[in-house]
């Protein structure tokens, strides 16, 4: 189970980062605690700019709430990131 209360108690975390974290928690598979929505999808669903999503992801990574892993297609092109809820 993912403990979502820790982000509410972190007074240094921006409200946008909290929104992104909760979004990723809702999208995450229960067993692996992972999901892979694109930043564009996150921004669209949360009504945020791409820059705000990127800042929020970086903030969550820096505070160790999530781990981000790059994914690539068979032809070598970049795909959406894989996010693990820590």
N, C-alpha and C. Protein backbone atom coordinates (compact mmCIF):
# COMPACT_ATOMS: atom_id res chain seq x y z
N UNK A 1 0.83 -1.19 0.00
CA UNK A 1 0.00 0.00 0.00
C UNK A 1 0.88 1.25 0.00
N UNK A 2 0.46 2.24 -0.74
CA UNK A 2 1.21 3.49 -0.86
C UNK A 2 0.75 4.46 0.23
N UNK A 3 1.72 4.99 0.98
CA UNK A 3 1.42 5.95 2.03
C UNK A 3 1.40 7.36 1.44
N UNK A 4 0.21 7.86 1.16
CA UNK A 4 0.07 9.18 0.55
C UNK A 4 0.16 10.32 1.56
N UNK A 5 0.00 10.01 2.83
CA UNK A 5 0.00 11.05 3.86
C UNK A 5 1.35 11.76 3.97
N UNK A 6 2.43 11.08 3.64
CA UNK A 6 3.75 11.69 3.79
C UNK A 6 3.92 12.94 2.94
N UNK A 7 3.28 12.99 1.78
CA UNK A 7 3.41 14.18 0.94
C UNK A 7 2.61 15.35 1.51
N UNK A 8 1.51 15.05 2.17
CA UNK A 8 0.72 16.11 2.80
C UNK A 8 1.48 16.75 3.95
N UNK A 9 2.28 15.97 4.63
CA UNK A 9 3.02 16.45 5.79
C UNK A 9 4.33 17.14 5.43
N UNK A 10 4.76 17.02 4.19
CA UNK A 10 6.00 17.65 3.73
C UNK A 10 5.70 19.10 3.34
N UNK A 11 6.02 20.03 4.22
CA UNK A 11 5.71 21.44 3.99
C UNK A 11 6.61 22.08 2.93
N UNK A 12 7.68 21.41 2.56
CA UNK A 12 8.59 21.95 1.54
C UNK A 12 8.18 21.56 0.12
N UNK A 13 7.22 20.67 0.00
CA UNK A 13 6.77 20.19 -1.31
C UNK A 13 5.71 21.13 -1.88
N UNK A 14 5.85 21.50 -3.15
CA UNK A 14 4.88 22.39 -3.77
C UNK A 14 3.54 21.69 -3.96
N UNK A 15 2.49 22.47 -4.06
CA UNK A 15 1.15 21.89 -4.25
C UNK A 15 1.05 21.17 -5.59
N UNK A 16 1.76 21.66 -6.60
CA UNK A 16 1.74 20.98 -7.91
C UNK A 16 2.43 19.63 -7.82
N UNK A 17 3.52 19.56 -7.07
CA UNK A 17 4.23 18.29 -6.90
C UNK A 17 3.35 17.29 -6.15
N UNK A 18 2.60 17.77 -5.17
CA UNK A 18 1.67 16.90 -4.44
C UNK A 18 0.62 16.35 -5.41
N UNK A 19 0.09 17.21 -6.27
CA UNK A 19 -0.90 16.77 -7.26
C UNK A 19 -0.34 15.71 -8.19
N UNK A 20 0.88 15.92 -8.67
CA UNK A 20 1.51 14.96 -9.58
C UNK A 20 1.75 13.64 -8.84
N UNK A 21 2.20 13.71 -7.60
CA UNK A 21 2.44 12.49 -6.82
C UNK A 21 1.15 11.70 -6.65
N UNK A 22 0.08 12.36 -6.28
CA UNK A 22 -1.20 11.68 -6.09
C UNK A 22 -1.71 11.09 -7.40
N UNK A 23 -1.49 11.80 -8.50
CA UNK A 23 -1.86 11.30 -9.83
C UNK A 23 -1.11 10.01 -10.14
N UNK A 24 0.22 10.03 -9.89
CA UNK A 24 1.03 8.84 -10.16
C UNK A 24 0.61 7.68 -9.26
N UNK A 25 0.27 7.97 -8.03
CA UNK A 25 -0.20 6.92 -7.11
C UNK A 25 -1.48 6.27 -7.63
N UNK A 26 -2.39 7.08 -8.14
CA UNK A 26 -3.65 6.55 -8.67
C UNK A 26 -3.42 5.70 -9.92
N UNK A 27 -2.43 6.06 -10.73
CA UNK A 27 -2.14 5.33 -11.96
C UNK A 27 -1.27 4.10 -11.74
N UNK A 28 -0.61 4.01 -10.59
CA UNK A 28 0.37 2.94 -10.34
C UNK A 28 -0.29 1.58 -10.17
N UNK A 29 0.38 0.56 -10.68
CA UNK A 29 -0.05 -0.83 -10.47
C UNK A 29 0.20 -1.16 -9.00
N UNK A 30 -0.71 -1.90 -8.41
CA UNK A 30 -0.64 -2.19 -6.97
C UNK A 30 0.61 -2.99 -6.59
N UNK A 31 0.95 -4.02 -7.37
CA UNK A 31 2.09 -4.88 -7.01
C UNK A 31 3.43 -4.20 -7.21
N UNK A 32 3.61 -3.55 -8.33
CA UNK A 32 4.91 -2.97 -8.67
C UNK A 32 5.06 -1.51 -8.25
N UNK A 33 3.97 -0.87 -7.90
CA UNK A 33 3.95 0.56 -7.57
C UNK A 33 4.59 1.38 -8.69
N UNK A 34 4.28 1.01 -9.93
CA UNK A 34 4.86 1.70 -11.07
C UNK A 34 3.78 2.07 -12.10
N UNK A 35 4.08 3.10 -12.88
CA UNK A 35 3.20 3.52 -13.97
C UNK A 35 4.04 4.27 -14.99
N UNK A 36 3.47 4.52 -16.16
CA UNK A 36 4.25 5.16 -17.20
C UNK A 36 3.45 6.16 -18.05
N UNK A 37 2.73 7.08 -17.42
CA UNK A 37 2.05 8.10 -18.23
C UNK A 37 3.08 9.10 -18.77
N UNK A 38 2.82 9.63 -19.94
CA UNK A 38 3.73 10.64 -20.48
C UNK A 38 3.54 11.95 -19.72
N UNK A 39 4.54 12.81 -19.77
CA UNK A 39 4.43 14.11 -19.11
C UNK A 39 3.30 14.93 -19.73
N UNK A 40 3.12 14.76 -21.03
CA UNK A 40 2.03 15.45 -21.73
C UNK A 40 0.67 15.00 -21.19
N UNK A 41 0.52 13.71 -20.96
CA UNK A 41 -0.73 13.18 -20.41
C UNK A 41 -0.96 13.68 -18.99
N UNK A 42 0.09 13.68 -18.18
CA UNK A 42 -0.02 14.19 -16.81
C UNK A 42 -0.47 15.65 -16.84
N UNK A 43 0.18 16.45 -17.68
CA UNK A 43 -0.17 17.86 -17.79
C UNK A 43 -1.61 18.07 -18.24
N UNK A 44 -2.03 17.30 -19.23
CA UNK A 44 -3.40 17.43 -19.73
C UNK A 44 -4.41 17.06 -18.65
N UNK A 45 -4.17 15.94 -17.99
CA UNK A 45 -5.12 15.47 -16.98
C UNK A 45 -5.18 16.37 -15.75
N UNK A 46 -4.06 16.99 -15.39
CA UNK A 46 -4.02 17.85 -14.21
C UNK A 46 -4.13 19.34 -14.54
N UNK A 47 -4.30 19.65 -15.83
CA UNK A 47 -4.40 21.05 -16.28
C UNK A 47 -3.17 21.86 -15.85
N UNK A 48 -2.00 21.29 -16.15
CA UNK A 48 -0.71 21.91 -15.83
C UNK A 48 0.11 22.04 -17.11
N UNK A 49 1.00 23.01 -17.11
CA UNK A 49 1.91 23.14 -18.25
C UNK A 49 2.95 22.03 -18.18
N UNK A 50 3.56 21.76 -19.31
CA UNK A 50 4.61 20.74 -19.37
C UNK A 50 5.77 21.13 -18.45
N UNK A 51 6.10 22.41 -18.41
CA UNK A 51 7.18 22.88 -17.53
C UNK A 51 6.86 22.62 -16.06
N UNK A 52 5.61 22.83 -15.66
CA UNK A 52 5.20 22.58 -14.28
C UNK A 52 5.28 21.09 -13.94
N UNK A 53 4.90 20.25 -14.89
CA UNK A 53 4.99 18.80 -14.68
C UNK A 53 6.45 18.40 -14.51
N UNK A 54 7.32 18.90 -15.37
CA UNK A 54 8.75 18.56 -15.28
C UNK A 54 9.34 19.01 -13.95
N UNK A 55 9.01 20.24 -13.52
CA UNK A 55 9.51 20.73 -12.23
C UNK A 55 9.00 19.86 -11.09
N UNK A 56 7.74 19.47 -11.15
CA UNK A 56 7.15 18.64 -10.10
C UNK A 56 7.81 17.26 -10.05
N UNK A 57 8.04 16.66 -11.20
CA UNK A 57 8.70 15.35 -11.26
C UNK A 57 10.10 15.46 -10.67
N UNK A 58 10.84 16.51 -11.04
CA UNK A 58 12.19 16.70 -10.51
C UNK A 58 12.16 16.89 -8.99
N UNK A 59 11.20 17.64 -8.52
CA UNK A 59 11.04 17.88 -7.09
C UNK A 59 10.76 16.57 -6.35
N UNK A 60 9.88 15.75 -6.90
CA UNK A 60 9.54 14.46 -6.28
C UNK A 60 10.73 13.50 -6.29
N UNK A 61 11.50 13.54 -7.37
CA UNK A 61 12.69 12.70 -7.45
C UNK A 61 13.73 13.13 -6.42
N UNK A 62 13.94 14.42 -6.33
CA UNK A 62 14.93 14.98 -5.41
C UNK A 62 14.60 14.63 -3.96
N UNK A 63 13.31 14.61 -3.63
CA UNK A 63 12.86 14.29 -2.27
C UNK A 63 12.67 12.78 -2.07
N UNK A 64 12.97 11.99 -3.10
CA UNK A 64 12.92 10.52 -3.07
C UNK A 64 11.50 9.97 -2.86
N UNK A 65 10.49 10.69 -3.37
CA UNK A 65 9.12 10.17 -3.34
C UNK A 65 8.87 9.26 -4.54
N UNK A 66 9.59 9.50 -5.62
CA UNK A 66 9.48 8.66 -6.82
C UNK A 66 10.88 8.39 -7.37
N UNK A 67 10.94 7.37 -8.21
CA UNK A 67 12.15 7.08 -8.97
C UNK A 67 11.72 7.05 -10.43
N UNK A 68 12.47 7.72 -11.29
CA UNK A 68 12.14 7.79 -12.71
C UNK A 68 13.15 6.97 -13.50
N UNK A 69 12.63 6.20 -14.45
CA UNK A 69 13.48 5.39 -15.32
C UNK A 69 13.11 5.69 -16.77
N UNK A 70 14.10 5.98 -17.59
CA UNK A 70 13.84 6.25 -19.01
C UNK A 70 13.46 4.95 -19.71
N UNK A 71 12.56 5.07 -20.68
CA UNK A 71 12.16 3.92 -21.50
C UNK A 71 12.40 4.28 -22.96
N UNK A 72 12.75 3.27 -23.75
CA UNK A 72 13.03 3.49 -25.16
C UNK A 72 12.29 2.47 -26.01
N UNK A 73 11.92 2.90 -27.21
CA UNK A 73 11.25 2.02 -28.17
C UNK A 73 12.29 1.11 -28.83
N UNK A 74 11.83 0.11 -29.56
CA UNK A 74 12.73 -0.81 -30.26
C UNK A 74 13.62 -0.10 -31.27
N UNK A 75 13.11 0.97 -31.87
CA UNK A 75 13.90 1.69 -32.87
C UNK A 75 14.86 2.71 -32.23
N UNK A 76 14.90 2.73 -30.89
CA UNK A 76 15.82 3.62 -30.18
C UNK A 76 15.21 4.95 -29.76
N UNK A 77 13.99 5.23 -30.22
CA UNK A 77 13.32 6.47 -29.86
C UNK A 77 12.88 6.47 -28.40
N UNK A 78 12.80 7.65 -27.82
CA UNK A 78 12.41 7.77 -26.42
C UNK A 78 10.91 7.55 -26.27
N UNK A 79 10.54 6.85 -25.22
CA UNK A 79 9.14 6.60 -24.89
C UNK A 79 8.85 7.33 -23.57
N UNK A 80 7.67 7.14 -23.03
CA UNK A 80 7.35 7.77 -21.74
C UNK A 80 8.22 7.17 -20.64
N UNK A 81 8.43 7.94 -19.59
CA UNK A 81 9.22 7.46 -18.45
C UNK A 81 8.43 6.44 -17.65
N UNK A 82 9.15 5.61 -16.94
CA UNK A 82 8.55 4.66 -16.01
C UNK A 82 8.77 5.25 -14.61
N UNK A 83 7.70 5.39 -13.84
CA UNK A 83 7.78 5.97 -12.50
C UNK A 83 7.51 4.90 -11.46
N UNK A 84 8.36 4.87 -10.44
CA UNK A 84 8.17 3.97 -9.31
C UNK A 84 7.86 4.82 -8.08
N UNK A 85 6.80 4.48 -7.39
CA UNK A 85 6.45 5.18 -6.16
C UNK A 85 7.32 4.57 -5.05
N UNK A 86 8.05 5.41 -4.36
CA UNK A 86 8.96 4.93 -3.30
C UNK A 86 8.27 4.91 -1.95
